[in-house]
Amino acid sequence: MGEHTAPLFPQEVLDEYAALGVDLPALFSAGHLGERMGVTIVEAAADRVVGTMPVEGNTQPYGLLHGGASAVLAETLGSIGSMLHGGAAKLAVGVDLNCTHHRGVREGLVTGVATPVHRGRSTATYEIVISDEQDRRVCTARLTCLLRDVPRPEAR
């Protein structure tokens, strides 16, 4: 479904994860669900995450972009921002997602931009604005993620 390109990460972030043996672009792909829906991560940093998703294949019975599809895009982008804020020692787990749908979209590509509202030690909250190709707001979402310590391997 969408063209999959490698997201753009700041070099210092790539270096931090590479030192841990983690391929950051692969880790922050949209995952199986996002791939099925055609989500493409275009840009990713703790202060701004951008992604796109086609309307085609993600519609409800009336032919409009499904609200759940917007929620998937929003949670994907906000989660990536939260993980980048938390760094390699933290795991971001979504605990609250709120979406307000402003207008219907029948075709084309939607673009989501996630920006931080709050970045703390234990939680991160992002606002995600999803717009159509005419730059009209389709959905406004807010995602809060709990930042948990990455589990340490058991000592043997």
N, C-alpha and C. Protein backbone atom coordinates (compact mmCIF):
# COMPACT_ATOMS: atom_id res chain seq x y z
N MET A 1 0.82 -1.18 0.00
CA MET A 1 0.00 0.00 0.00
C MET A 1 0.86 1.24 0.00
N GLY A 2 1.46 1.83 0.87
CA GLY A 2 2.20 3.07 0.72
C GLY A 2 3.63 2.78 0.36
N GLU A 3 4.31 3.82 -0.15
CA GLU A 3 5.72 3.66 -0.43
C GLU A 3 6.47 3.74 0.90
N HIS A 4 7.29 2.77 1.17
CA HIS A 4 7.99 2.73 2.46
C HIS A 4 9.40 3.28 2.29
N THR A 5 9.64 4.43 2.91
CA THR A 5 10.96 5.03 2.89
C THR A 5 11.47 5.07 4.32
N ALA A 6 12.77 5.16 4.46
CA ALA A 6 13.35 5.21 5.80
C ALA A 6 13.05 6.57 6.42
N PRO A 7 12.60 6.58 7.68
CA PRO A 7 12.35 7.86 8.33
C PRO A 7 13.65 8.62 8.56
N LEU A 8 13.55 9.92 8.66
CA LEU A 8 14.71 10.76 8.91
C LEU A 8 14.86 10.97 10.41
N PHE A 9 15.97 10.50 10.97
CA PHE A 9 16.26 10.65 12.38
C PHE A 9 17.48 11.54 12.55
N PRO A 10 17.53 12.32 13.62
CA PRO A 10 18.77 13.07 13.90
C PRO A 10 19.93 12.08 14.08
N GLN A 11 21.10 12.45 13.59
CA GLN A 11 22.24 11.54 13.62
C GLN A 11 22.60 11.11 15.04
N GLU A 12 22.50 12.02 16.02
CA GLU A 12 22.86 11.64 17.40
C GLU A 12 21.92 10.57 17.95
N VAL A 13 20.67 10.59 17.50
CA VAL A 13 19.71 9.57 17.93
C VAL A 13 20.06 8.23 17.28
N LEU A 14 20.37 8.26 15.99
CA LEU A 14 20.78 7.03 15.30
C LEU A 14 22.01 6.43 15.97
N ASP A 15 22.96 7.28 16.34
CA ASP A 15 24.19 6.81 16.98
C ASP A 15 23.91 6.18 18.35
N GLU A 16 22.99 6.81 19.13
CA GLU A 16 22.66 6.29 20.46
C GLU A 16 22.10 4.87 20.36
N TYR A 17 21.18 4.66 19.43
CA TYR A 17 20.58 3.34 19.30
C TYR A 17 21.53 2.34 18.64
N ALA A 18 22.32 2.80 17.69
CA ALA A 18 23.28 1.91 17.03
C ALA A 18 24.28 1.36 18.03
N ALA A 19 24.67 2.18 19.02
CA ALA A 19 25.61 1.72 20.05
C ALA A 19 25.01 0.58 20.87
N LEU A 20 23.69 0.49 20.90
CA LEU A 20 23.01 -0.60 21.61
C LEU A 20 22.68 -1.77 20.68
N GLY A 21 23.09 -1.66 19.41
CA GLY A 21 22.81 -2.71 18.45
C GLY A 21 21.39 -2.68 17.91
N VAL A 22 20.75 -1.50 17.95
CA VAL A 22 19.35 -1.37 17.51
C VAL A 22 19.30 -0.61 16.19
N ASP A 23 18.61 -1.18 15.21
CA ASP A 23 18.36 -0.52 13.93
C ASP A 23 17.12 0.35 14.11
N LEU A 24 17.34 1.63 14.41
CA LEU A 24 16.24 2.52 14.75
C LEU A 24 15.21 2.67 13.64
N PRO A 25 15.59 2.88 12.39
CA PRO A 25 14.56 2.98 11.35
C PRO A 25 13.67 1.74 11.27
N ALA A 26 14.24 0.56 11.48
CA ALA A 26 13.43 -0.66 11.46
C ALA A 26 12.52 -0.73 12.68
N LEU A 27 13.05 -0.33 13.84
CA LEU A 27 12.28 -0.35 15.08
C LEU A 27 11.07 0.57 14.98
N PHE A 28 11.24 1.74 14.37
CA PHE A 28 10.16 2.72 14.30
C PHE A 28 9.41 2.70 12.98
N SER A 29 9.39 1.56 12.33
CA SER A 29 8.49 1.45 11.19
C SER A 29 7.08 1.47 11.76
N ALA A 30 6.11 1.51 10.93
CA ALA A 30 4.73 1.58 11.41
C ALA A 30 4.24 0.23 11.92
N GLY A 31 5.04 -0.81 11.83
CA GLY A 31 4.64 -2.12 12.32
C GLY A 31 3.69 -2.81 11.35
N HIS A 32 3.24 -4.00 11.72
CA HIS A 32 2.38 -4.79 10.82
C HIS A 32 1.07 -4.08 10.50
N LEU A 33 0.41 -3.52 11.50
CA LEU A 33 -0.85 -2.83 11.27
C LEU A 33 -0.62 -1.60 10.39
N GLY A 34 0.36 -0.80 10.75
CA GLY A 34 0.66 0.38 9.96
C GLY A 34 1.05 0.04 8.53
N GLU A 35 1.80 -1.04 8.36
CA GLU A 35 2.19 -1.48 7.02
C GLU A 35 0.95 -1.88 6.22
N ARG A 36 0.06 -2.62 6.84
CA ARG A 36 -1.18 -3.04 6.18
C ARG A 36 -2.01 -1.84 5.75
N MET A 37 -1.93 -0.75 6.54
CA MET A 37 -2.72 0.44 6.26
C MET A 37 -1.99 1.45 5.38
N GLY A 38 -0.74 1.17 5.06
CA GLY A 38 0.03 2.04 4.19
C GLY A 38 0.66 3.23 4.89
N VAL A 39 0.84 3.14 6.20
CA VAL A 39 1.45 4.24 6.95
C VAL A 39 2.94 4.31 6.60
N THR A 40 3.40 5.53 6.31
CA THR A 40 4.81 5.77 6.03
C THR A 40 5.31 6.84 6.99
N ILE A 41 6.38 6.55 7.69
CA ILE A 41 7.01 7.53 8.58
C ILE A 41 7.97 8.34 7.72
N VAL A 42 7.77 9.64 7.69
CA VAL A 42 8.55 10.53 6.84
C VAL A 42 9.68 11.19 7.61
N GLU A 43 9.41 11.58 8.84
CA GLU A 43 10.38 12.32 9.66
C GLU A 43 10.13 11.94 11.11
N ALA A 44 11.19 11.77 11.88
CA ALA A 44 11.00 11.39 13.28
C ALA A 44 12.08 11.99 14.17
N ALA A 45 11.63 12.77 15.15
CA ALA A 45 12.46 13.33 16.20
C ALA A 45 11.54 13.53 17.40
N ALA A 46 12.10 13.68 18.59
CA ALA A 46 11.27 13.83 19.79
C ALA A 46 10.38 15.06 19.73
N ASP A 47 10.79 16.07 18.97
CA ASP A 47 9.98 17.29 18.91
C ASP A 47 9.05 17.37 17.71
N ARG A 48 9.11 16.39 16.80
CA ARG A 48 8.21 16.40 15.64
C ARG A 48 8.31 15.06 14.91
N VAL A 49 7.16 14.44 14.71
CA VAL A 49 7.09 13.19 13.94
C VAL A 49 6.06 13.39 12.85
N VAL A 50 6.41 13.03 11.62
CA VAL A 50 5.51 13.21 10.48
C VAL A 50 5.33 11.86 9.79
N GLY A 51 4.09 11.56 9.43
CA GLY A 51 3.78 10.34 8.70
C GLY A 51 2.60 10.55 7.79
N THR A 52 2.48 9.67 6.80
CA THR A 52 1.37 9.74 5.85
C THR A 52 0.63 8.41 5.80
N MET A 53 -0.59 8.46 5.27
CA MET A 53 -1.40 7.26 5.11
C MET A 53 -2.39 7.51 3.97
N PRO A 54 -2.56 6.53 3.08
CA PRO A 54 -3.54 6.70 2.02
C PRO A 54 -4.96 6.53 2.56
N VAL A 55 -5.89 7.24 1.96
CA VAL A 55 -7.30 7.07 2.32
C VAL A 55 -7.81 5.75 1.75
N GLU A 56 -7.43 5.46 0.51
CA GLU A 56 -7.87 4.22 -0.14
C GLU A 56 -7.45 3.01 0.69
N GLY A 57 -8.38 2.12 0.93
CA GLY A 57 -8.13 0.93 1.73
C GLY A 57 -8.34 1.15 3.21
N ASN A 58 -8.61 2.38 3.62
CA ASN A 58 -8.79 2.72 5.04
C ASN A 58 -10.10 3.48 5.27
N THR A 59 -11.13 3.07 4.54
CA THR A 59 -12.41 3.76 4.62
C THR A 59 -13.46 2.93 5.34
N GLN A 60 -14.50 3.62 5.80
CA GLN A 60 -15.66 2.97 6.40
C GLN A 60 -16.71 2.77 5.30
N PRO A 61 -17.86 2.15 5.60
CA PRO A 61 -18.84 1.82 4.55
C PRO A 61 -19.35 3.00 3.72
N TYR A 62 -19.30 4.21 4.23
CA TYR A 62 -19.75 5.39 3.47
C TYR A 62 -18.68 5.92 2.52
N GLY A 63 -17.52 5.30 2.53
CA GLY A 63 -16.44 5.71 1.64
C GLY A 63 -15.55 6.80 2.21
N LEU A 64 -15.73 7.13 3.48
CA LEU A 64 -14.91 8.14 4.14
C LEU A 64 -13.77 7.48 4.91
N LEU A 65 -12.69 8.23 5.12
CA LEU A 65 -11.59 7.73 5.94
C LEU A 65 -12.16 7.28 7.28
N HIS A 66 -11.85 6.07 7.67
CA HIS A 66 -12.35 5.50 8.93
C HIS A 66 -11.68 6.21 10.10
N GLY A 67 -12.48 6.56 11.12
CA GLY A 67 -11.93 7.20 12.31
C GLY A 67 -10.89 6.35 12.99
N GLY A 68 -11.06 5.04 12.95
CA GLY A 68 -10.07 4.14 13.54
C GLY A 68 -8.75 4.19 12.79
N ALA A 69 -8.80 4.43 11.48
CA ALA A 69 -7.56 4.57 10.71
C ALA A 69 -6.81 5.83 11.14
N SER A 70 -7.56 6.91 11.35
CA SER A 70 -6.93 8.14 11.85
C SER A 70 -6.30 7.88 13.22
N ALA A 71 -6.98 7.10 14.06
CA ALA A 71 -6.47 6.78 15.39
C ALA A 71 -5.17 5.97 15.29
N VAL A 72 -5.10 5.05 14.34
CA VAL A 72 -3.87 4.26 14.16
C VAL A 72 -2.72 5.17 13.76
N LEU A 73 -2.97 6.07 12.81
CA LEU A 73 -1.92 7.00 12.39
C LEU A 73 -1.48 7.86 13.57
N ALA A 74 -2.45 8.41 14.30
CA ALA A 74 -2.13 9.27 15.44
C ALA A 74 -1.33 8.53 16.50
N GLU A 75 -1.77 7.33 16.87
CA GLU A 75 -1.06 6.60 17.93
C GLU A 75 0.34 6.19 17.47
N THR A 76 0.48 5.85 16.22
CA THR A 76 1.80 5.50 15.70
C THR A 76 2.76 6.68 15.82
N LEU A 77 2.32 7.86 15.38
CA LEU A 77 3.20 9.03 15.38
C LEU A 77 3.52 9.48 16.81
N GLY A 78 2.50 9.54 17.66
CA GLY A 78 2.73 9.95 19.05
C GLY A 78 3.60 8.97 19.81
N SER A 79 3.45 7.70 19.53
CA SER A 79 4.28 6.68 20.19
C SER A 79 5.74 6.80 19.78
N ILE A 80 5.97 7.07 18.51
CA ILE A 80 7.35 7.25 18.04
C ILE A 80 7.98 8.45 18.73
N GLY A 81 7.25 9.56 18.79
CA GLY A 81 7.77 10.74 19.48
C GLY A 81 8.08 10.44 20.94
N SER A 82 7.18 9.72 21.60
CA SER A 82 7.37 9.37 23.01
C SER A 82 8.59 8.49 23.21
N MET A 83 8.78 7.51 22.33
CA MET A 83 9.95 6.63 22.42
C MET A 83 11.24 7.43 22.23
N LEU A 84 11.23 8.34 21.26
CA LEU A 84 12.43 9.14 21.02
C LEU A 84 12.70 10.08 22.19
N HIS A 85 11.66 10.61 22.81
CA HIS A 85 11.85 11.44 24.00
C HIS A 85 12.42 10.61 25.14
N GLY A 86 11.87 9.42 25.37
CA GLY A 86 12.32 8.57 26.46
C GLY A 86 13.72 8.04 26.29
N GLY A 87 14.16 7.91 25.06
CA GLY A 87 15.49 7.40 24.78
C GLY A 87 15.54 5.88 24.83
N ALA A 88 16.73 5.37 24.61
CA ALA A 88 16.91 3.92 24.48
C ALA A 88 16.60 3.15 25.75
N ALA A 89 16.59 3.80 26.91
CA ALA A 89 16.35 3.10 28.18
C ALA A 89 14.87 3.02 28.53
N LYS A 90 14.01 3.63 27.71
CA LYS A 90 12.57 3.68 28.02
C LYS A 90 11.75 3.03 26.91
N LEU A 91 10.60 2.52 27.30
CA LEU A 91 9.63 1.93 26.40
C LEU A 91 8.35 2.74 26.54
N ALA A 92 7.79 3.23 25.44
CA ALA A 92 6.57 4.04 25.49
C ALA A 92 5.35 3.13 25.30
N VAL A 93 4.40 3.26 26.22
CA VAL A 93 3.16 2.47 26.17
C VAL A 93 1.99 3.44 26.20
N GLY A 94 1.17 3.43 25.15
CA GLY A 94 0.03 4.32 25.10
C GLY A 94 -0.98 4.01 26.21
N VAL A 95 -1.41 5.05 26.92
CA VAL A 95 -2.40 4.87 28.00
C VAL A 95 -3.68 5.67 27.76
N ASP A 96 -3.63 6.66 26.86
CA ASP A 96 -4.83 7.45 26.59
C ASP A 96 -4.74 8.01 25.18
N LEU A 97 -5.79 7.81 24.40
CA LEU A 97 -5.87 8.35 23.04
C LEU A 97 -7.23 8.99 22.87
N ASN A 98 -7.24 10.25 22.42
CA ASN A 98 -8.47 10.98 22.17
C ASN A 98 -8.40 11.53 20.76
N CYS A 99 -9.44 11.29 19.96
CA CYS A 99 -9.47 11.78 18.58
C CYS A 99 -10.76 12.56 18.34
N THR A 100 -10.62 13.73 17.76
CA THR A 100 -11.77 14.51 17.31
C THR A 100 -11.69 14.58 15.79
N HIS A 101 -12.75 14.11 15.13
CA HIS A 101 -12.79 14.08 13.67
C HIS A 101 -13.52 15.32 13.18
N HIS A 102 -12.86 16.12 12.33
CA HIS A 102 -13.40 17.40 11.90
C HIS A 102 -14.07 17.36 10.54
N ARG A 103 -13.58 16.55 9.63
CA ARG A 103 -14.15 16.49 8.28
C ARG A 103 -13.85 15.14 7.66
N GLY A 104 -14.69 14.77 6.72
CA GLY A 104 -14.49 13.51 6.02
C GLY A 104 -13.53 13.67 4.86
N VAL A 105 -12.86 12.58 4.51
CA VAL A 105 -11.96 12.55 3.37
C VAL A 105 -12.28 11.29 2.58
N ARG A 106 -12.39 11.40 1.27
CA ARG A 106 -12.74 10.26 0.42
C ARG A 106 -11.59 9.75 -0.43
N GLU A 107 -10.55 10.53 -0.60
CA GLU A 107 -9.45 10.10 -1.47
C GLU A 107 -8.17 10.82 -1.11
N GLY A 108 -7.09 10.33 -1.68
CA GLY A 108 -5.80 10.98 -1.50
C GLY A 108 -5.00 10.44 -0.33
N LEU A 109 -4.17 11.29 0.18
CA LEU A 109 -3.23 10.95 1.24
C LEU A 109 -3.47 11.91 2.40
N VAL A 110 -3.46 11.40 3.61
CA VAL A 110 -3.51 12.28 4.78
C VAL A 110 -2.12 12.29 5.41
N THR A 111 -1.81 13.41 6.04
CA THR A 111 -0.52 13.58 6.70
C THR A 111 -0.75 13.92 8.16
N GLY A 112 -0.05 13.23 9.04
CA GLY A 112 -0.13 13.50 10.46
C GLY A 112 1.17 14.10 10.96
N VAL A 113 1.04 15.10 11.83
CA VAL A 113 2.21 15.74 12.45
C VAL A 113 2.01 15.70 13.95
N ALA A 114 2.91 15.03 14.65
CA ALA A 114 2.86 14.91 16.11
C ALA A 114 3.87 15.86 16.73
N THR A 115 3.39 16.68 17.68
CA THR A 115 4.27 17.59 18.41
C THR A 115 4.00 17.43 19.90
N PRO A 116 5.03 17.59 20.72
CA PRO A 116 4.85 17.36 22.16
C PRO A 116 4.03 18.45 22.84
N VAL A 117 3.20 18.02 23.77
CA VAL A 117 2.47 18.91 24.66
C VAL A 117 3.16 18.88 26.03
N HIS A 118 3.61 17.68 26.41
CA HIS A 118 4.30 17.47 27.69
C HIS A 118 5.31 16.35 27.50
N ARG A 119 6.53 16.57 27.97
CA ARG A 119 7.56 15.52 27.94
C ARG A 119 8.19 15.46 29.32
N GLY A 120 7.74 14.49 30.10
CA GLY A 120 8.26 14.32 31.45
C GLY A 120 9.12 13.08 31.57
N ARG A 121 9.41 12.72 32.84
CA ARG A 121 10.22 11.53 33.09
C ARG A 121 9.41 10.24 32.95
N SER A 122 8.12 10.29 33.31
CA SER A 122 7.32 9.06 33.30
C SER A 122 6.18 9.08 32.30
N THR A 123 5.85 10.25 31.74
CA THR A 123 4.82 10.31 30.70
C THR A 123 5.22 11.31 29.62
N ALA A 124 4.65 11.10 28.44
CA ALA A 124 4.82 12.04 27.34
C ALA A 124 3.46 12.16 26.65
N THR A 125 3.06 13.39 26.34
CA THR A 125 1.79 13.64 25.66
C THR A 125 2.08 14.40 24.37
N TYR A 126 1.47 13.91 23.30
CA TYR A 126 1.64 14.52 21.98
C TYR A 126 0.30 14.90 21.39
N GLU A 127 0.27 16.04 20.71
CA GLU A 127 -0.89 16.42 19.89
C GLU A 127 -0.55 16.00 18.47
N ILE A 128 -1.51 15.36 17.82
CA ILE A 128 -1.31 14.92 16.45
C ILE A 128 -2.39 15.57 15.59
N VAL A 129 -1.97 16.32 14.58
CA VAL A 129 -2.89 16.97 13.65
C VAL A 129 -2.80 16.22 12.33
N ILE A 130 -3.93 15.72 11.88
CA ILE A 130 -4.00 15.00 10.61
C ILE A 130 -4.72 15.89 9.61
N SER A 131 -4.09 16.11 8.45
CA SER A 131 -4.62 17.01 7.43
C SER A 131 -4.72 16.29 6.09
N ASP A 132 -5.61 16.81 5.22
CA ASP A 132 -5.73 16.25 3.88
C ASP A 132 -4.73 16.93 2.95
N GLU A 133 -4.80 16.60 1.68
CA GLU A 133 -3.83 17.14 0.72
C GLU A 133 -4.02 18.64 0.45
N GLN A 134 -5.16 19.19 0.85
CA GLN A 134 -5.40 20.63 0.73
C GLN A 134 -5.04 21.34 2.05
N ASP A 135 -4.37 20.64 2.94
CA ASP A 135 -3.94 21.16 4.24
C ASP A 135 -5.12 21.54 5.14
N ARG A 136 -6.26 20.86 4.94
CA ARG A 136 -7.42 21.06 5.81
C ARG A 136 -7.36 20.03 6.93
N ARG A 137 -7.62 20.48 8.16
CA ARG A 137 -7.56 19.59 9.32
C ARG A 137 -8.69 18.56 9.24
N VAL A 138 -8.31 17.30 9.32
CA VAL A 138 -9.24 16.19 9.27
C VAL A 138 -9.51 15.67 10.68
N CYS A 139 -8.48 15.63 11.50
CA CYS A 139 -8.57 15.05 12.83
C CYS A 139 -7.53 15.70 13.74
N THR A 140 -7.92 15.91 14.98
CA THR A 140 -6.98 16.34 16.01
C THR A 140 -6.99 15.25 17.08
N ALA A 141 -5.82 14.75 17.42
CA ALA A 141 -5.72 13.69 18.42
C ALA A 141 -4.72 14.09 19.50
N ARG A 142 -4.88 13.46 20.65
CA ARG A 142 -3.94 13.64 21.75
C ARG A 142 -3.63 12.25 22.30
N LEU A 143 -2.34 11.94 22.41
CA LEU A 143 -1.90 10.64 22.92
C LEU A 143 -0.99 10.86 24.12
N THR A 144 -1.26 10.14 25.20
CA THR A 144 -0.36 10.12 26.34
C THR A 144 0.23 8.72 26.46
N CYS A 145 1.54 8.68 26.58
CA CYS A 145 2.25 7.40 26.74
C CYS A 145 2.93 7.38 28.10
N LEU A 146 2.89 6.22 28.74
CA LEU A 146 3.66 5.96 29.94
C LEU A 146 5.06 5.55 29.49
N LEU A 147 6.08 6.12 30.11
CA LEU A 147 7.45 5.77 29.79
C LEU A 147 7.96 4.80 30.84
N ARG A 148 8.13 3.56 30.45
CA ARG A 148 8.58 2.51 31.37
C ARG A 148 10.03 2.17 31.08
N ASP A 149 10.73 1.72 32.11
CA ASP A 149 12.10 1.26 31.91
C ASP A 149 12.08 0.02 31.03
N VAL A 150 13.05 -0.04 30.11
CA VAL A 150 13.17 -1.24 29.28
C VAL A 150 13.58 -2.38 30.20
N PRO A 151 12.88 -3.53 30.12
CA PRO A 151 13.24 -4.66 30.98
C PRO A 151 14.68 -5.10 30.74
N ARG A 152 15.39 -5.35 31.81
CA ARG A 152 16.77 -5.83 31.71
C ARG A 152 16.75 -7.34 31.55
N PRO A 153 17.67 -7.87 30.77
CA PRO A 153 17.76 -9.33 30.65
C PRO A 153 18.06 -9.95 32.00
N GLU A 154 17.47 -11.09 32.25
CA GLU A 154 17.70 -11.81 33.50
C GLU A 154 19.17 -12.24 33.60
N ALA A 155 19.76 -12.02 34.75
CA ALA A 155 21.15 -12.47 34.97
C ALA A 155 21.14 -13.97 35.20
N ARG A 156 22.02 -14.67 34.57
CA ARG A 156 22.06 -16.13 34.70
C ARG A 156 23.34 -16.59 35.28
